[in-house]
Each structure stands twice: as C-alpha cells, then as structure tokens.
PDB file of N, CA and C in Angstrom:
ATOM      1  N   MET A   1      10.437  -0.094  39.307  1.00  0.00           N
ATOM      2  CA  MET A   1      11.014  -0.773  38.251  1.00  0.00           C
ATOM      3  C   MET A   1      10.191  -0.196  36.882  1.00  0.00           C
ATOM      4  N   LEU A   2       8.876  -0.434  37.064  1.00  0.00           N
ATOM      5  CA  LEU A   2       8.372  -0.107  35.889  1.00  0.00           C
ATOM      6  C   LEU A   2       8.768   1.503  34.948  1.00  0.00           C
ATOM      7  N   ARG A   3       8.838   2.497  36.308  1.00  0.00           N
ATOM      8  CA  ARG A   3       9.235   3.844  35.727  1.00  0.00           C
ATOM      9  C   ARG A   3      10.442   3.565  35.117  1.00  0.00           C
ATOM     10  N   ALA A   4      11.525   2.951  35.600  1.00  0.00           N
ATOM     11  CA  ALA A   4      12.853   2.972  34.946  1.00  0.00           C
ATOM     12  C   ALA A   4      12.680   2.433  33.168  1.00  0.00           C
ATOM     13  N   GLN A   5      11.674   1.258  33.397  1.00  0.00           N
ATOM     14  CA  GLN A   5      11.467   0.635  32.019  1.00  0.00           C
ATOM     15  C   GLN A   5      10.823   1.704  30.937  1.00  0.00           C
ATOM     16  N   GLN A   6      10.017   2.499  31.412  1.00  0.00           N
ATOM     17  CA  GLN A   6       9.417   3.417  30.519  1.00  0.00           C
ATOM     18  C   GLN A   6      10.339   4.618  30.003  1.00  0.00           C
ATOM     19  N   MET A   7      11.283   4.977  30.834  1.00  0.00           N
ATOM     20  CA  MET A   7      12.193   5.845  30.529  1.00  0.00           C
ATOM     21  C   MET A   7      13.275   5.530  29.689  1.00  0.00           C
ATOM     22  N   GLN A   8      13.550   4.314  29.430  1.00  0.00           N
ATOM     23  CA  GLN A   8      14.403   3.949  28.091  1.00  0.00           C
ATOM     24  C   GLN A   8      14.202   4.541  26.819  1.00  0.00           C
ATOM     25  N   GLU A   9      15.101   4.995  26.126  1.00  0.00           N
ATOM     26  CA  GLU A   9      14.857   5.224  24.685  1.00  0.00           C
ATOM     27  C   GLU A   9      14.741   4.081  23.852  1.00  0.00           C
ATOM     28  N   ALA A  10      13.761   4.671  22.794  1.00  0.00           N
ATOM     29  CA  ALA A  10      13.452   3.672  21.899  1.00  0.00           C
ATOM     30  C   ALA A  10      14.702   3.529  20.838  1.00  0.00           C
ATOM     31  N   ARG A  11      14.935   2.599  20.618  1.00  0.00           N
ATOM     32  CA  ARG A  11      16.445   2.447  19.856  1.00  0.00           C
ATOM     33  C   ARG A  11      15.710   2.361  18.190  1.00  0.00           C
ATOM     34  N   GLN A  12      16.479   2.683  17.438  1.00  0.00           N
ATOM     35  CA  GLN A  12      16.339   2.803  16.044  1.00  0.00           C
ATOM     36  C   GLN A  12      17.369   1.666  15.545  1.00  0.00           C
ATOM     37  N   TYR A  13      17.092   0.993  14.246  1.00  0.00           N
ATOM     38  CA  TYR A  13      17.612  -0.009  13.666  1.00  0.00           C
ATOM     39  C   TYR A  13      17.191  -0.001  12.398  1.00  0.00           C
ATOM     40  N   TYR A  14      18.392  -0.356  11.519  1.00  0.00           N
ATOM     41  CA  TYR A  14      18.394  -0.623  10.121  1.00  0.00           C
ATOM     42  C   TYR A  14      18.346  -1.884   9.776  1.00  0.00           C
ATOM     43  N   ILE A  15      17.480  -1.890   8.382  1.00  0.00           N
ATOM     44  CA  ILE A  15      17.545  -3.343   7.863  1.00  0.00           C
ATOM     45  C   ILE A  15      18.385  -2.880   6.543  1.00  0.00           C
ATOM     46  N   TYR A  16      19.677  -3.435   6.430  1.00  0.00           N
ATOM     47  CA  TYR A  16      20.070  -3.152   5.028  1.00  0.00           C
ATOM     48  C   TYR A  16      19.973  -4.198   3.727  1.00  0.00           C
ATOM     49  N   ASN A  17      19.795  -3.573   2.596  1.00  0.00           N
ATOM     50  CA  ASN A  17      19.516  -4.450   1.544  1.00  0.00           C
ATOM     51  C   ASN A  17      20.366  -3.783   0.502  1.00  0.00           C
ATOM     52  N   ILE A  18      20.694  -4.912  -0.592  1.00  0.00           N
ATOM     53  CA  ILE A  18      21.667  -4.455  -1.767  1.00  0.00           C
ATOM     54  C   ILE A  18      20.876  -4.160  -2.659  1.00  0.00           C
ATOM     55  N   VAL A  19      20.724  -2.984  -3.720  1.00  0.00           N
ATOM     56  CA  VAL A  19      20.039  -2.817  -4.753  1.00  0.00           C
ATOM     57  C   VAL A  19      20.687  -3.103  -5.799  1.00  0.00           C
ATOM     58  N   ASN A  20      20.144  -3.569  -6.941  1.00  0.00           N
ATOM     59  CA  ASN A  20      21.112  -3.775  -8.055  1.00  0.00           C
ATOM     60  C   ASN A  20      19.983  -3.218  -9.286  1.00  0.00           C
ATOM     61  N   PHE A  21      20.565  -2.314 -10.023  1.00  0.00           N
ATOM     62  CA  PHE A  21      19.957  -1.973 -11.272  1.00  0.00           C
ATOM     63  C   PHE A  21      20.628  -2.610 -12.490  1.00  0.00           C
ATOM     64  N   GLU A  22      19.944  -3.157 -13.208  1.00  0.00           N
ATOM     65  CA  GLU A  22      20.318  -3.632 -14.661  1.00  0.00           C
ATOM     66  C   GLU A  22      19.114  -3.208 -16.036  1.00  0.00           C
ATOM     67  N   GLY A  23      19.795  -3.328 -17.059  1.00  0.00           N
ATOM     68  CA  GLY A  23      19.226  -3.375 -18.235  1.00  0.00           C
ATOM     69  C   GLY A  23      19.764  -2.207 -19.079  1.00  0.00           C
ATOM     70  N   ASN A  24      19.082  -2.007 -20.049  1.00  0.00           N
ATOM     71  CA  ASN A  24      19.569  -0.822 -20.833  1.00  0.00           C
ATOM     72  C   ASN A  24      18.340   0.390 -21.263  1.00  0.00           C
ATOM     73  N   LEU A  25      18.962   1.385 -20.777  1.00  0.00           N
ATOM     74  CA  LEU A  25      18.398   2.504 -20.270  1.00  0.00           C
ATOM     75  C   LEU A  25      17.511   3.250 -21.669  1.00  0.00           C
ATOM     76  N   LYS A  26      18.209   2.956 -22.849  1.00  0.00           N
ATOM     77  CA  LYS A  26      17.665   3.437 -23.974  1.00  0.00           C
ATOM     78  C   LYS A  26      16.563   2.471 -24.638  1.00  0.00           C
ATOM     79  N   LYS A  27      16.684   1.400 -24.197  1.00  0.00           N
ATOM     80  CA  LYS A  27      15.911   0.473 -24.865  1.00  0.00           C
ATOM     81  C   LYS A  27      14.716  -0.170 -23.873  1.00  0.00           C
ATOM     82  N   GLU A  28      15.107  -0.536 -22.897  1.00  0.00           N
ATOM     83  CA  GLU A  28      14.139  -1.125 -21.854  1.00  0.00           C
ATOM     84  C   GLU A  28      13.841  -0.397 -20.541  1.00  0.00           C
ATOM     85  N   GLY A  29      14.814   0.422 -20.445  1.00  0.00           N
ATOM     86  CA  GLY A  29      14.800   0.997 -19.058  1.00  0.00           C
ATOM     87  C   GLY A  29      15.684   0.174 -18.080  1.00  0.00           C
ATOM     88  N   PHE A  30      15.596   0.685 -16.609  1.00  0.00           N
ATOM     89  CA  PHE A  30      16.293   0.115 -15.553  1.00  0.00           C
ATOM     90  C   PHE A  30      15.453  -0.692 -14.887  1.00  0.00           C
ATOM     91  N   LYS A  31      15.891  -2.209 -14.691  1.00  0.00           N
ATOM     92  CA  LYS A  31      14.928  -3.035 -13.626  1.00  0.00           C
ATOM     93  C   LYS A  31      15.853  -3.287 -12.598  1.00  0.00           C
ATOM     94  N   VAL A  32      15.188  -3.541 -11.356  1.00  0.00           N
ATOM     95  CA  VAL A  32      15.879  -3.438 -10.182  1.00  0.00           C
ATOM     96  C   VAL A  32      15.626  -4.544  -9.397  1.00  0.00           C
ATOM     97  N   THR A  33      16.564  -5.106  -8.841  1.00  0.00           N
ATOM     98  CA  THR A  33      16.424  -6.374  -7.762  1.00  0.00           C
ATOM     99  C   THR A  33      17.083  -5.897  -6.294  1.00  0.00           C
ATOM    100  N   VAL A  34      16.247  -6.493  -5.284  1.00  0.00           N
ATOM    101  CA  VAL A  34      16.466  -6.449  -4.021  1.00  0.00           C
ATOM    102  C   VAL A  34      17.113  -7.487  -3.375  1.00  0.00           C
ATOM    103  N   ASP A  35      18.421  -7.331  -2.857  1.00  0.00           N
ATOM    104  CA  ASP A  35      18.833  -8.408  -1.926  1.00  0.00           C
ATOM    105  C   ASP A  35      18.869  -8.028  -0.467  1.00  0.00           C
ATOM    106  N   ASP A  36      17.978  -9.260   0.250  1.00  0.00           N
ATOM    107  CA  ASP A  36      17.957  -8.640   1.616  1.00  0.00           C
ATOM    108  C   ASP A  36      18.757  -9.542   2.622  1.00  0.00           C
ATOM    109  N   GLY A  37      19.749 -10.469   2.048  1.00  0.00           N
ATOM    110  CA  GLY A  37      20.618 -11.130   2.629  1.00  0.00           C
ATOM    111  C   GLY A  37      19.940 -12.456   3.024  1.00  0.00           C
ATOM    112  N   LYS A  38      18.693 -12.702   2.429  1.00  0.00           N
ATOM    113  CA  LYS A  38      18.113 -13.945   2.440  1.00  0.00           C
ATOM    114  C   LYS A  38      17.932 -14.772   1.103  1.00  0.00           C
ATOM    115  N   SER A  39      17.395 -13.675   0.000  1.00  0.00           N
ATOM    116  CA  SER A  39      17.172 -13.804  -1.307  1.00  0.00           C
ATOM    117  C   SER A  39      17.229 -12.677  -1.978  1.00  0.00           C
ATOM    118  N   ILE A  40      17.358 -12.923  -3.153  1.00  0.00           N
ATOM    119  CA  ILE A  40      17.306 -11.617  -4.338  1.00  0.00           C
ATOM    120  C   ILE A  40      15.784 -11.615  -5.479  1.00  0.00           C
ATOM    121  N   GLU A  41      15.111 -10.674  -4.765  1.00  0.00           N
ATOM    122  CA  GLU A  41      13.852 -10.665  -5.520  1.00  0.00           C
ATOM    123  C   GLU A  41      13.883  -9.465  -6.344  1.00  0.00           C
ATOM    124  N   LYS A  42      13.044  -9.763  -7.518  1.00  0.00           N
ATOM    125  CA  LYS A  42      12.854  -8.793  -8.677  1.00  0.00           C
ATOM    126  C   LYS A  42      11.932  -7.706  -8.073  1.00  0.00           C
ATOM    127  N   LEU A  43      12.094  -6.414  -8.054  1.00  0.00           N
ATOM    128  CA  LEU A  43      10.792  -5.302  -7.774  1.00  0.00           C
ATOM    129  C   LEU A  43      10.052  -5.290  -8.366  1.00  0.00           C
ATOM    130  N   ARG A  44       8.832  -5.505  -7.869  1.00  0.00           N
ATOM    131  CA  ARG A  44       7.535  -5.713  -8.573  1.00  0.00           C
ATOM    132  C   ARG A  44       6.320  -4.742  -7.947  1.00  0.00           C
ATOM    133  N   ASP A  45       5.506  -4.281  -8.477  1.00  0.00           N
ATOM    134  CA  ASP A  45       4.230  -3.764  -7.867  1.00  0.00           C
ATOM    135  C   ASP A  45       3.621  -4.278  -7.295  1.00  0.00           C
ATOM    136  N   GLU A  46       2.211  -4.047  -6.796  1.00  0.00           N
ATOM    137  CA  GLU A  46       1.201  -4.494  -6.165  1.00  0.00           C
ATOM    138  C   GLU A  46       0.803  -5.815  -7.059  1.00  0.00           C
ATOM    139  N   ASN A  47       0.721  -5.546  -8.442  1.00  0.00           N
ATOM    140  CA  ASN A  47      -0.177  -6.417  -9.240  1.00  0.00           C
ATOM    141  C   ASN A  47       0.812  -7.565  -9.669  1.00  0.00           C
ATOM    142  N   GLU A  48       2.298  -7.488  -9.071  1.00  0.00           N
ATOM    143  CA  GLU A  48       3.427  -8.494  -9.464  1.00  0.00           C
ATOM    144  C   GLU A  48       3.951  -8.155 -10.639  1.00  0.00           C
ATOM    145  N   LYS A  49       3.800  -6.987 -11.300  1.00  0.00           N
ATOM    146  CA  LYS A  49       4.143  -6.584 -12.399  1.00  0.00           C
ATOM    147  C   LYS A  49       5.879  -6.029 -12.132  1.00  0.00           C
ATOM    148  N   ARG A  50       6.818  -6.460 -13.183  1.00  0.00           N
ATOM    149  CA  ARG A  50       8.286  -6.081 -12.903  1.00  0.00           C
ATOM    150  C   ARG A  50       8.249  -4.527 -12.753  1.00  0.00           C
ATOM    151  N   ILE A  51       8.784  -3.663 -12.017  1.00  0.00           N
ATOM    152  CA  ILE A  51       8.930  -2.226 -12.086  1.00  0.00           C
ATOM    153  C   ILE A  51       9.913  -1.891 -13.133  1.00  0.00           C
ATOM    154  N   VAL A  52       9.783  -1.118 -13.705  1.00  0.00           N
ATOM    155  CA  VAL A  52      10.745  -0.682 -14.752  1.00  0.00           C
ATOM    156  C   VAL A  52      11.195   0.788 -14.738  1.00  0.00           C
ATOM    157  N   PHE A  53      12.230   1.472 -14.262  1.00  0.00           N
ATOM    158  CA  PHE A  53      12.375   3.093 -14.451  1.00  0.00           C
ATOM    159  C   PHE A  53      13.159   3.597 -15.711  1.00  0.00           C
ATOM    160  N   THR A  54      12.691   4.668 -15.983  1.00  0.00           N
ATOM    161  CA  THR A  54      13.448   5.401 -17.318  1.00  0.00           C
ATOM    162  C   THR A  54      14.468   6.134 -17.121  1.00  0.00           C
ATOM    163  N   THR A  55      14.815   6.450 -15.555  1.00  0.00           N
ATOM    164  CA  THR A  55      16.043   7.379 -15.294  1.00  0.00           C
ATOM    165  C   THR A  55      16.434   6.590 -14.147  1.00  0.00           C
ATOM    166  N   PRO A  56      17.827   6.824 -13.434  1.00  0.00           N
ATOM    167  CA  PRO A  56      17.906   6.189 -12.048  1.00  0.00           C
ATOM    168  C   PRO A  56      17.739   7.197 -11.395  1.00  0.00           C
ATOM    169  N   ALA A  57      17.477   8.189 -11.498  1.00  0.00           N
ATOM    170  CA  ALA A  57      16.955   8.959 -10.716  1.00  0.00           C
ATOM    171  C   ALA A  57      15.505   8.854 -10.108  1.00  0.00           C
ATOM    172  N   GLY A  58      14.643   8.242 -11.223  1.00  0.00           N
ATOM    173  CA  GLY A  58      13.328   7.773 -10.854  1.00  0.00           C
ATOM    174  C   GLY A  58      13.467   6.601  -9.981  1.00  0.00           C
ATOM    175  N   ALA A  59      14.310   5.581 -10.244  1.00  0.00           N
ATOM    176  CA  ALA A  59      14.282   4.856  -9.199  1.00  0.00           C
ATOM    177  C   ALA A  59      14.870   4.988  -7.768  1.00  0.00           C
ATOM    178  N   LEU A  60      15.719   5.834  -7.717  1.00  0.00           N
ATOM    179  CA  LEU A  60      16.024   6.570  -6.408  1.00  0.00           C
ATOM    180  C   LEU A  60      14.780   7.197  -5.435  1.00  0.00           C
ATOM    181  N   MET A  61      14.046   7.956  -6.338  1.00  0.00           N
ATOM    182  CA  MET A  61      12.744   8.724  -5.766  1.00  0.00           C
ATOM    183  C   MET A  61      11.788   7.650  -5.425  1.00  0.00           C
ATOM    184  N   TYR A  62      11.777   6.319  -5.979  1.00  0.00           N
ATOM    185  CA  TYR A  62      10.726   5.557  -5.837  1.00  0.00           C
ATOM    186  C   TYR A  62      11.045   4.940  -4.238  1.00  0.00           C
ATOM    187  N   PHE A  63      12.271   4.567  -4.253  1.00  0.00           N
ATOM    188  CA  PHE A  63      12.595   4.186  -3.092  1.00  0.00           C
ATOM    189  C   PHE A  63      12.754   5.013  -1.686  1.00  0.00           C
ATOM    190  N   ILE A  64      13.145   6.295  -2.098  1.00  0.00           N
ATOM    191  CA  ILE A  64      12.788   7.772  -1.036  1.00  0.00           C
ATOM    192  C   ILE A  64      11.526   7.798  -0.672  1.00  0.00           C
ATOM    193  N   SER A  65      10.332   7.554  -1.900  1.00  0.00           N
ATOM    194  CA  SER A  65       8.958   8.047  -1.411  1.00  0.00           C
ATOM    195  C   SER A  65       8.448   6.885  -0.494  1.00  0.00           C
ATOM    196  N   ARG A  66       9.279   5.873  -0.553  1.00  0.00           N
ATOM    197  CA  ARG A  66       8.662   4.758   0.340  1.00  0.00           C
ATOM    198  C   ARG A  66       9.340   4.763   1.723  1.00  0.00           C
ATOM    199  N   GLY A  67      10.268   5.696   1.978  1.00  0.00           N
ATOM    200  CA  GLY A  67      10.604   6.019   3.432  1.00  0.00           C
ATOM    201  C   GLY A  67      12.380   5.087   3.632  1.00  0.00           C
ATOM    202  N   TRP A  68      12.602   4.665   2.325  1.00  0.00           N
ATOM    203  CA  TRP A  68      14.225   4.094   2.395  1.00  0.00           C
ATOM    204  C   TRP A  68      14.712   5.201   2.696  1.00  0.00           C
ATOM    205  N   GLU A  69      16.032   5.048   3.214  1.00  0.00           N
ATOM    206  CA  GLU A  69      17.182   5.774   3.279  1.00  0.00           C
ATOM    207  C   GLU A  69      18.344   5.443   2.645  1.00  0.00           C
ATOM    208  N   SER A  70      19.295   6.224   1.697  1.00  0.00           N
ATOM    209  CA  SER A  70      20.085   5.726   0.848  1.00  0.00           C
ATOM    210  C   SER A  70      21.537   5.852   1.717  1.00  0.00           C
ATOM    211  N   TYR A  71      22.050   4.728   2.037  1.00  0.00           N
ATOM    212  CA  TYR A  71      23.530   4.668   2.489  1.00  0.00           C
ATOM    213  C   TYR A  71      24.348   3.770   1.254  1.00  0.00           C
ATOM    214  N   SER A  72      25.378   4.409   0.735  1.00  0.00           N
ATOM    215  CA  SER A  72      26.162   3.673  -0.133  1.00  0.00           C
ATOM    216  C   SER A  72      27.739   3.670   0.419  1.00  0.00           C
ATOM    217  N   HIS A  73      27.863   2.331   0.487  1.00  0.00           N
ATOM    218  CA  HIS A  73      29.148   2.313   1.125  1.00  0.00           C
ATOM    219  C   HIS A  73      30.137   2.055  -0.020  1.00  0.00           C
ATOM    220  N   GLY A  74      29.576   1.251  -1.328  1.00  0.00           N
ATOM    221  CA  GLY A  74      30.557   1.434  -2.341  1.00  0.00           C
ATOM    222  C   GLY A  74      29.760   0.899  -3.402  1.00  0.00           C
ATOM    223  N   THR A  75      30.250   1.331  -4.660  1.00  0.00           N
ATOM    224  CA  THR A  75      29.337   0.868  -5.750  1.00  0.00           C
ATOM    225  C   THR A  75      30.091   0.260  -7.024  1.00  0.00           C
ATOM    226  N   MET A  76      29.389  -1.010  -7.387  1.00  0.00           N
ATOM    227  CA  MET A  76      30.324  -1.390  -8.739  1.00  0.00           C
ATOM    228  C   MET A  76      29.424  -1.580  -9.981  1.00  0.00           C
ATOM    229  N   THR A  77      29.860  -1.267 -10.984  1.00  0.00           N
ATOM    230  CA  THR A  77      29.647  -0.950 -12.402  1.00  0.00           C
ATOM    231  C   THR A  77      30.041  -1.826 -13.364  1.00  0.00           C
ATOM    232  N   GLU A  78      29.496  -2.361 -14.076  1.00  0.00           N
ATOM    233  CA  GLU A  78      29.738  -3.287 -15.134  1.00  0.00           C
ATOM    234  C   GLU A  78      29.055  -3.001 -16.373  1.00  0.00           C
ATOM    235  N   ASP A  79      29.725  -2.723 -17.655  1.00  0.00           N
ATOM    236  CA  ASP A  79      29.136  -2.467 -18.873  1.00  0.00           C
ATOM    237  C   ASP A  79      29.224  -4.036 -19.689  1.00  0.00           C
ATOM    238  N   PHE A  80      28.288  -4.108 -20.610  1.00  0.00           N
ATOM    239  CA  PHE A  80      28.332  -5.324 -21.040  1.00  0.00           C
ATOM    240  C   PHE A  80      27.541  -5.172 -22.437  1.00  0.00           C
ATOM    241  N   LEU A  81      27.835  -6.290 -23.422  1.00  0.00           N
ATOM    242  CA  LEU A  81      27.438  -6.121 -24.611  1.00  0.00           C
ATOM    243  C   LEU A  81      26.888  -7.433 -25.297  1.00  0.00           C
ATOM    244  N   ILE A  82      25.871  -7.758 -25.220  1.00  0.00           N
ATOM    245  CA  ILE A  82      25.159  -8.780 -25.710  1.00  0.00           C
ATOM    246  C   ILE A  82      24.467  -8.626 -27.012  1.00  0.00           C
ATOM    247  N   GLY A  83      24.536  -9.399 -27.876  1.00  0.00           N
ATOM    248  CA  GLY A  83      23.797  -9.365 -29.276  1.00  0.00           C
ATOM    249  C   GLY A  83      23.882  -7.937 -30.115  1.00  0.00           C
ATOM    250  N   GLY A  84      24.564  -7.310 -29.478  1.00  0.00           N
ATOM    251  CA  GLY A  84      25.115  -6.217 -30.357  1.00  0.00           C
ATOM    252  C   GLY A  84      24.296  -4.798 -29.122  1.00  0.00           C
ATOM    253  N   ASN A  85      23.777  -5.055 -28.234  1.00  0.00           N
ATOM    254  CA  ASN A  85      23.182  -4.227 -27.398  1.00  0.00           C
ATOM    255  C   ASN A  85      24.143  -3.789 -26.169  1.00  0.00           C
ATOM    256  N   TRP A  86      24.284  -2.665 -26.025  1.00  0.00           N
ATOM    257  CA  TRP A  86      25.294  -2.355 -24.721  1.00  0.00           C
ATOM    258  C   TRP A  86      23.859  -2.126 -23.460  1.00  0.00           C
ATOM    259  N   GLY A  87      24.816  -2.576 -22.557  1.00  0.00           N
ATOM    260  CA  GLY A  87      23.707  -2.473 -21.173  1.00  0.00           C
ATOM    261  C   GLY A  87      24.894  -1.996 -19.964  1.00  0.00           C
ATOM    262  N   ILE A  88      24.472  -1.685 -18.860  1.00  0.00           N
ATOM    263  CA  ILE A  88      25.276  -1.414 -17.639  1.00  0.00           C
ATOM    264  C   ILE A  88      24.578  -1.909 -16.366  1.00  0.00           C
ATOM    265  N   GLU A  89      25.427  -2.694 -15.726  1.00  0.00           N
ATOM    266  CA  GLU A  89      24.783  -3.155 -14.421  1.00  0.00           C
ATOM    267  C   GLU A  89      25.371  -2.480 -13.105  1.00  0.00           C
ATOM    268  N   SER A  90      24.731  -2.116 -12.177  1.00  0.00           N
ATOM    269  CA  SER A  90      25.579  -1.158 -11.123  1.00  0.00           C
ATOM    270  C   SER A  90      24.793  -1.903  -9.859  1.00  0.00           C
ATOM    271  N   ASN A  91      25.785  -2.099  -8.755  1.00  0.00           N
ATOM    272  CA  ASN A  91      25.205  -2.568  -7.437  1.00  0.00           C
ATOM    273  C   ASN A  91      26.080  -1.483  -6.370  1.00  0.00           C
ATOM    274  N   SER A  92      24.936  -1.305  -5.538  1.00  0.00           N
ATOM    275  CA  SER A  92      25.246  -0.330  -4.408  1.00  0.00           C
ATOM    276  C   SER A  92      25.373  -1.195  -3.190  1.00  0.00           C
ATOM    277  N   TYR A  93      26.726  -0.712  -2.455  1.00  0.00           N
ATOM    278  CA  TYR A  93      26.489  -1.492  -1.082  1.00  0.00           C
ATOM    279  C   TYR A  93      26.607  -0.694   0.147  1.00  0.00           C
TER     280      TYR A  93
END
C-alpha cells in the first residue's frame, strides 16, 4: 500500500487572481490591484508602499519575476476623463 501511494504523481494546481491596472500612465503611472476571490487588495511592497509601474511591460515583468504565469481569458478596457485628466482602466480575467 505504501508503495502505491509513493508512485502517485504530484498534482499541479493554480490559484487564479484578477489583476486590475488603473491610473494615468503619463502623470502617475499604473497602479495595480489583485482580486483573489476573497478581497481586492492594492499591490504593495514589503514596506506597505503602493507599487507604481511606469509601463505595462514593467507590471507584467514584476509578476513573471515572482513566478506568476499569465493567463488571459478576456480583457476589458475602459477610458475615463476626470477633471480634465484622461486615464485608462484595464481588467484581465
């Protein structure tokens, strides 16, 4: 019986999160929130300071360098104008 248990393959599983980018790239950079299905949290560094990216590729490389795999089921993008400032909000599922 023990031998049969040892021969079973390890199963790989995924934890899915929804990553949301917000902000004005030219003025303030992209800020990121992560939805784990329980809560939506602002992405922060080890000192609890909000992480801001200057390019979308910078945000992508941040997650990849920490072992995340990217899977995009769909993306919604919304432009907005507040007080004369244009911005974009994008959600990938």
